[in-house]
Amino acid sequence: MLETTLCSDEQNHWNELDWKYAHPFIMLWNIHKDDIDHYKHANNTAYVKQLEKLAWAHSNHLGLSFSDYEEHDRAMVIQHHSLYYLAPSFEEEAIACATWITKCDKRFRLQREFQFISTTSHKTIFAATTDFVCVKLSSGTPKPMPQAFIDVYGAHVIEQ
């Protein structure tokens, strides 16, 4: 089970962790028994599910929801993931999960970076980069981003 809690910037003491970039969008992931594999740590698929949850929560927070995707007949779909498992996480552990939009060409491509930090050790245990491409939702063919996507995603690319 992926249980997550959205952390608001105003109340978020997790902002003090050693994030790669400023102004992270953070959710807290509480690892449960269902996330654990036969090695007795969080399964790699649980991390990927958390990436999806975090990206959608961030998009929603910025003002884009799946209904906006449907309305514009566009979607940002994953073209490539780079995943870096740096240390294991365990049942009952809380992980601060952050994301940023790091690139947006305002046409077809968007990139997100992710960083997960253990709230116990304060060490980065996972990092990822995901490249997205804009497609027509109804056909899956590449299409330029609608203005609504450009306005939201383009305006929230972080400075590196």
C-alpha atoms as a PDB file:
ATOM      1  CA  MET A   1       0.000   0.000   0.000  1.00  0.00           C
ATOM      2  CA  LEU A   2       1.386   3.397  -0.940  1.00  0.00           C
ATOM      3  CA  GLU A   3       0.317   5.810   1.744  1.00  0.00           C
ATOM      4  CA  THR A   4       1.415   9.356   1.131  1.00  0.00           C
ATOM      5  CA  THR A   5       0.766  12.684   2.735  1.00  0.00           C
ATOM      6  CA  LEU A   6       1.068  15.971   0.890  1.00  0.00           C
ATOM      7  CA  CYS A   7       3.332  18.430   2.656  1.00  0.00           C
ATOM      8  CA  SER A   8       2.581  22.126   2.269  1.00  0.00           C
ATOM      9  CA  ASP A   9       5.494  24.547   1.957  1.00  0.00           C
ATOM     10  CA  GLU A  10       4.312  26.642   4.907  1.00  0.00           C
ATOM     11  CA  GLN A  11       4.172  23.735   7.368  1.00  0.00           C
ATOM     12  CA  ASN A  12       6.911  21.619   5.908  1.00  0.00           C
ATOM     13  CA  HIS A  13       9.978  21.033   8.056  1.00  0.00           C
ATOM     14  CA  TRP A  14      11.164  18.525   5.415  1.00  0.00           C
ATOM     15  CA  ASN A  15      12.265  21.528   3.327  1.00  0.00           C
ATOM     16  CA  GLU A  16      15.333  21.605   5.570  1.00  0.00           C
ATOM     17  CA  LEU A  17      16.663  18.312   4.185  1.00  0.00           C
ATOM     18  CA  ASP A  18      19.581  18.310   1.752  1.00  0.00           C
ATOM     19  CA  TRP A  19      17.600  18.665  -1.486  1.00  0.00           C
ATOM     20  CA  LYS A  20      19.365  18.812  -4.843  1.00  0.00           C
ATOM     21  CA  TYR A  21      17.359  21.909  -5.840  1.00  0.00           C
ATOM     22  CA  ALA A  22      15.472  24.658  -4.028  1.00  0.00           C
ATOM     23  CA  HIS A  23      11.688  24.717  -3.605  1.00  0.00           C
ATOM     24  CA  PRO A  24      10.881  21.000  -3.772  1.00  0.00           C
ATOM     25  CA  PHE A  25       7.329  19.723  -4.030  1.00  0.00           C
ATOM     26  CA  ILE A  26       7.285  17.178  -1.197  1.00  0.00           C
ATOM     27  CA  MET A  27       5.085  14.275  -0.198  1.00  0.00           C
ATOM     28  CA  LEU A  28       5.732  11.968   2.732  1.00  0.00           C
ATOM     29  CA  TRP A  29       5.675   8.249   1.891  1.00  0.00           C
ATOM     30  CA  ASN A  30       5.017   5.884   4.794  1.00  0.00           C
ATOM     31  CA  ILE A  31       6.261   2.443   3.831  1.00  0.00           C
ATOM     32  CA  HIS A  32       3.903  -0.381   4.750  1.00  0.00           C
ATOM     33  CA  LYS A  33       4.074  -4.166   4.679  1.00  0.00           C
ATOM     34  CA  ASP A  34       2.542  -4.299   1.182  1.00  0.00           C
ATOM     35  CA  ASP A  35       5.505  -2.286  -0.158  1.00  0.00           C
ATOM     36  CA  ILE A  36       8.059  -4.818   1.146  1.00  0.00           C
ATOM     37  CA  ASP A  37       9.585  -7.532  -1.031  1.00  0.00           C
ATOM     38  CA  HIS A  38      11.258 -10.858  -0.246  1.00  0.00           C
ATOM     39  CA  TYR A  39      14.521  -9.015   0.545  1.00  0.00           C
ATOM     40  CA  LYS A  40      12.644  -7.326   3.410  1.00  0.00           C
ATOM     41  CA  HIS A  41      12.927  -3.803   1.990  1.00  0.00           C
ATOM     42  CA  ALA A  42      10.712  -1.644  -0.216  1.00  0.00           C
ATOM     43  CA  ASN A  43      10.296  -3.212  -3.631  1.00  0.00           C
ATOM     44  CA  ASN A  44      11.533  -1.329  -6.668  1.00  0.00           C
ATOM     45  CA  THR A  45       7.989  -1.265  -8.069  1.00  0.00           C
ATOM     46  CA  ALA A  46       6.833   0.619  -4.965  1.00  0.00           C
ATOM     47  CA  TYR A  47       9.305   3.392  -5.820  1.00  0.00           C
ATOM     48  CA  VAL A  48       7.977   3.610  -9.383  1.00  0.00           C
ATOM     49  CA  LYS A  49       4.395   3.800  -8.097  1.00  0.00           C
ATOM     50  CA  GLN A  50       5.481   6.587  -5.760  1.00  0.00           C
ATOM     51  CA  LEU A  51       7.050   8.472  -8.693  1.00  0.00           C
ATOM     52  CA  GLU A  52       3.709   8.407 -10.502  1.00  0.00           C
ATOM     53  CA  LYS A  53       1.772   9.496  -7.424  1.00  0.00           C
ATOM     54  CA  LEU A  54       4.198  12.324  -6.754  1.00  0.00           C
ATOM     55  CA  ALA A  55       4.222  13.590 -10.353  1.00  0.00           C
ATOM     56  CA  TRP A  56       0.408  13.634 -10.507  1.00  0.00           C
ATOM     57  CA  ALA A  57       0.129  15.341  -7.115  1.00  0.00           C
ATOM     58  CA  HIS A  58       2.579  18.001  -8.278  1.00  0.00           C
ATOM     59  CA  SER A  59       0.731  18.528 -11.580  1.00  0.00           C
ATOM     60  CA  ASN A  60      -2.559  18.811  -9.680  1.00  0.00           C
ATOM     61  CA  HIS A  61      -0.954  21.257  -7.245  1.00  0.00           C
ATOM     62  CA  LEU A  62       0.203  23.384 -10.193  1.00  0.00           C
ATOM     63  CA  GLY A  63      -3.327  23.382 -11.631  1.00  0.00           C
ATOM     64  CA  LEU A  64      -3.363  20.565 -14.207  1.00  0.00           C
ATOM     65  CA  SER A  65      -5.467  17.465 -13.625  1.00  0.00           C
ATOM     66  CA  PHE A  66      -6.302  14.454 -15.741  1.00  0.00           C
ATOM     67  CA  SER A  67      -9.568  16.148 -16.731  1.00  0.00           C
ATOM     68  CA  ASP A  68      -7.434  18.933 -18.274  1.00  0.00           C
ATOM     69  CA  TYR A  69      -5.522  16.286 -20.188  1.00  0.00           C
ATOM     70  CA  GLU A  70      -8.831  14.871 -21.463  1.00  0.00           C
ATOM     71  CA  GLU A  71     -10.190  18.319 -22.316  1.00  0.00           C
ATOM     72  CA  HIS A  72      -7.131  19.106 -24.469  1.00  0.00           C
ATOM     73  CA  ASP A  73      -6.794  15.537 -25.808  1.00  0.00           C
ATOM     74  CA  ARG A  74      -3.145  15.615 -24.732  1.00  0.00           C
ATOM     75  CA  ALA A  75      -1.028  13.712 -22.244  1.00  0.00           C
ATOM     76  CA  MET A  76       2.523  13.811 -21.004  1.00  0.00           C
ATOM     77  CA  VAL A  77       3.675  10.201 -21.250  1.00  0.00           C
ATOM     78  CA  ILE A  78       6.905   8.663 -20.056  1.00  0.00           C
ATOM     79  CA  GLN A  79       9.540   8.147 -22.706  1.00  0.00           C
ATOM     80  CA  HIS A  80      12.427   7.278 -20.409  1.00  0.00           C
ATOM     81  CA  HIS A  81      13.172   6.685 -16.721  1.00  0.00           C
ATOM     82  CA  SER A  82      16.610   6.761 -15.111  1.00  0.00           C
ATOM     83  CA  LEU A  83      16.307   5.237 -11.649  1.00  0.00           C
ATOM     84  CA  TYR A  84      19.003   5.234  -8.988  1.00  0.00           C
ATOM     85  CA  TYR A  85      18.430   3.024  -5.953  1.00  0.00           C
ATOM     86  CA  LEU A  86      21.025   4.302  -3.480  1.00  0.00           C
ATOM     87  CA  ALA A  87      19.994   2.623  -0.214  1.00  0.00           C
ATOM     88  CA  PRO A  88      17.178   0.369   0.961  1.00  0.00           C
ATOM     89  CA  SER A  89      14.102   1.538   2.831  1.00  0.00           C
ATOM     90  CA  PHE A  90      12.105  -0.553   5.245  1.00  0.00           C
ATOM     91  CA  GLU A  91       8.651  -1.149   6.649  1.00  0.00           C
ATOM     92  CA  GLU A  92       7.449   1.640   8.959  1.00  0.00           C
ATOM     93  CA  GLU A  93      10.029   4.052   7.522  1.00  0.00           C
ATOM     94  CA  ALA A  94       8.933   7.510   6.380  1.00  0.00           C
ATOM     95  CA  ILE A  95      10.466   8.870   3.196  1.00  0.00           C
ATOM     96  CA  ALA A  96      10.318  12.516   2.098  1.00  0.00           C
ATOM     97  CA  CYS A  97       9.759  12.407  -1.669  1.00  0.00           C
ATOM     98  CA  ALA A  98      10.410  15.484  -3.793  1.00  0.00           C
ATOM     99  CA  THR A  99      10.022  16.436  -7.437  1.00  0.00           C
ATOM    100  CA  TRP A 100      10.884  19.354  -9.674  1.00  0.00           C
ATOM    101  CA  ILE A 101      10.281  20.165 -13.323  1.00  0.00           C
ATOM    102  CA  THR A 102      13.813  20.565 -14.618  1.00  0.00           C
ATOM    103  CA  LYS A 103      13.218  21.055 -18.358  1.00  0.00           C
ATOM    104  CA  CYS A 104      10.341  22.016 -20.632  1.00  0.00           C
ATOM    105  CA  ASP A 105      10.888  22.848 -24.293  1.00  0.00           C
ATOM    106  CA  LYS A 106       7.311  24.241 -24.484  1.00  0.00           C
ATOM    107  CA  ARG A 107       6.652  22.051 -27.493  1.00  0.00           C
ATOM    108  CA  PHE A 108       6.928  18.298 -26.949  1.00  0.00           C
ATOM    109  CA  ARG A 109       9.274  17.512 -24.060  1.00  0.00           C
ATOM    110  CA  LEU A 110       9.237  17.794 -20.297  1.00  0.00           C
ATOM    111  CA  GLN A 111      11.653  16.464 -17.698  1.00  0.00           C
ATOM    112  CA  ARG A 112      11.171  15.836 -13.994  1.00  0.00           C
ATOM    113  CA  GLU A 113      13.741  14.980 -11.388  1.00  0.00           C
ATOM    114  CA  PHE A 114      12.951  13.160  -8.170  1.00  0.00           C
ATOM    115  CA  GLN A 115      14.785  12.722  -4.886  1.00  0.00           C
ATOM    116  CA  PHE A 116      13.700  10.555  -1.948  1.00  0.00           C
ATOM    117  CA  ILE A 117      15.298  11.157   1.458  1.00  0.00           C
ATOM    118  CA  SER A 118      14.929   8.979   4.549  1.00  0.00           C
ATOM    119  CA  THR A 119      13.436  11.035   7.372  1.00  0.00           C
ATOM    120  CA  THR A 120      15.424   8.881   9.806  1.00  0.00           C
ATOM    121  CA  SER A 121      18.942   9.049   8.352  1.00  0.00           C
ATOM    122  CA  HIS A 122      18.418  12.259   6.324  1.00  0.00           C
ATOM    123  CA  LYS A 123      20.261  10.564   3.449  1.00  0.00           C
ATOM    124  CA  THR A 124      19.142  10.336  -0.154  1.00  0.00           C
ATOM    125  CA  ILE A 125      18.026   6.764  -0.778  1.00  0.00           C
ATOM    126  CA  PHE A 126      16.638   7.135  -4.316  1.00  0.00           C
ATOM    127  CA  ALA A 127      16.876   9.538  -7.234  1.00  0.00           C
ATOM    128  CA  ALA A 128      15.294   9.518 -10.664  1.00  0.00           C
ATOM    129  CA  THR A 129      14.948  11.491 -13.846  1.00  0.00           C
ATOM    130  CA  THR A 130      11.929  11.020 -16.086  1.00  0.00           C
ATOM    131  CA  ASP A 131      11.594  12.313 -19.635  1.00  0.00           C
ATOM    132  CA  PHE A 132       8.066  12.877 -20.892  1.00  0.00           C
ATOM    133  CA  VAL A 133       6.740  13.526 -24.380  1.00  0.00           C
ATOM    134  CA  CYS A 134       3.421  15.154 -25.239  1.00  0.00           C
ATOM    135  CA  VAL A 135       1.023  12.955 -27.192  1.00  0.00           C
ATOM    136  CA  LYS A 136      -2.525  13.144 -28.417  1.00  0.00           C
ATOM    137  CA  LEU A 137      -4.428  11.270 -25.716  1.00  0.00           C
ATOM    138  CA  SER A 138      -6.879   9.683 -28.166  1.00  0.00           C
ATOM    139  CA  SER A 139      -4.229   8.290 -30.516  1.00  0.00           C
ATOM    140  CA  GLY A 140      -0.885   8.226 -28.678  1.00  0.00           C
ATOM    141  CA  THR A 141       0.839  10.126 -31.488  1.00  0.00           C
ATOM    142  CA  PRO A 142       3.251  12.943 -30.606  1.00  0.00           C
ATOM    143  CA  LYS A 143       1.595  16.373 -30.655  1.00  0.00           C
ATOM    144  CA  PRO A 144       2.683  19.786 -29.380  1.00  0.00           C
ATOM    145  CA  MET A 145       1.717  20.809 -25.868  1.00  0.00           C
ATOM    146  CA  PRO A 146      -1.441  22.884 -25.629  1.00  0.00           C
ATOM    147  CA  GLN A 147      -1.048  26.407 -24.273  1.00  0.00           C
ATOM    148  CA  ALA A 148      -2.424  25.332 -20.868  1.00  0.00           C
ATOM    149  CA  PHE A 149       0.462  22.850 -20.467  1.00  0.00           C
ATOM    150  CA  ILE A 150       3.015  25.432 -21.611  1.00  0.00           C
ATOM    151  CA  ASP A 151       1.599  28.000 -19.186  1.00  0.00           C
ATOM    152  CA  VAL A 152       1.780  25.629 -16.215  1.00  0.00           C
ATOM    153  CA  TYR A 153       4.757  23.369 -16.867  1.00  0.00           C
ATOM    154  CA  GLY A 154       6.828  25.985 -18.696  1.00  0.00           C
ATOM    155  CA  ALA A 155       6.370  28.478 -15.873  1.00  0.00           C
ATOM    156  CA  HIS A 156       7.540  26.030 -13.200  1.00  0.00           C
ATOM    157  CA  VAL A 157      10.892  24.897 -14.563  1.00  0.00           C
ATOM    158  CA  ILE A 158      13.366  25.304 -11.718  1.00  0.00           C
ATOM    159  CA  GLU A 159      16.645  27.127 -12.060  1.00  0.00           C
ATOM    160  CA  GLN A 160      19.608  24.773 -11.832  1.00  0.00           C
END
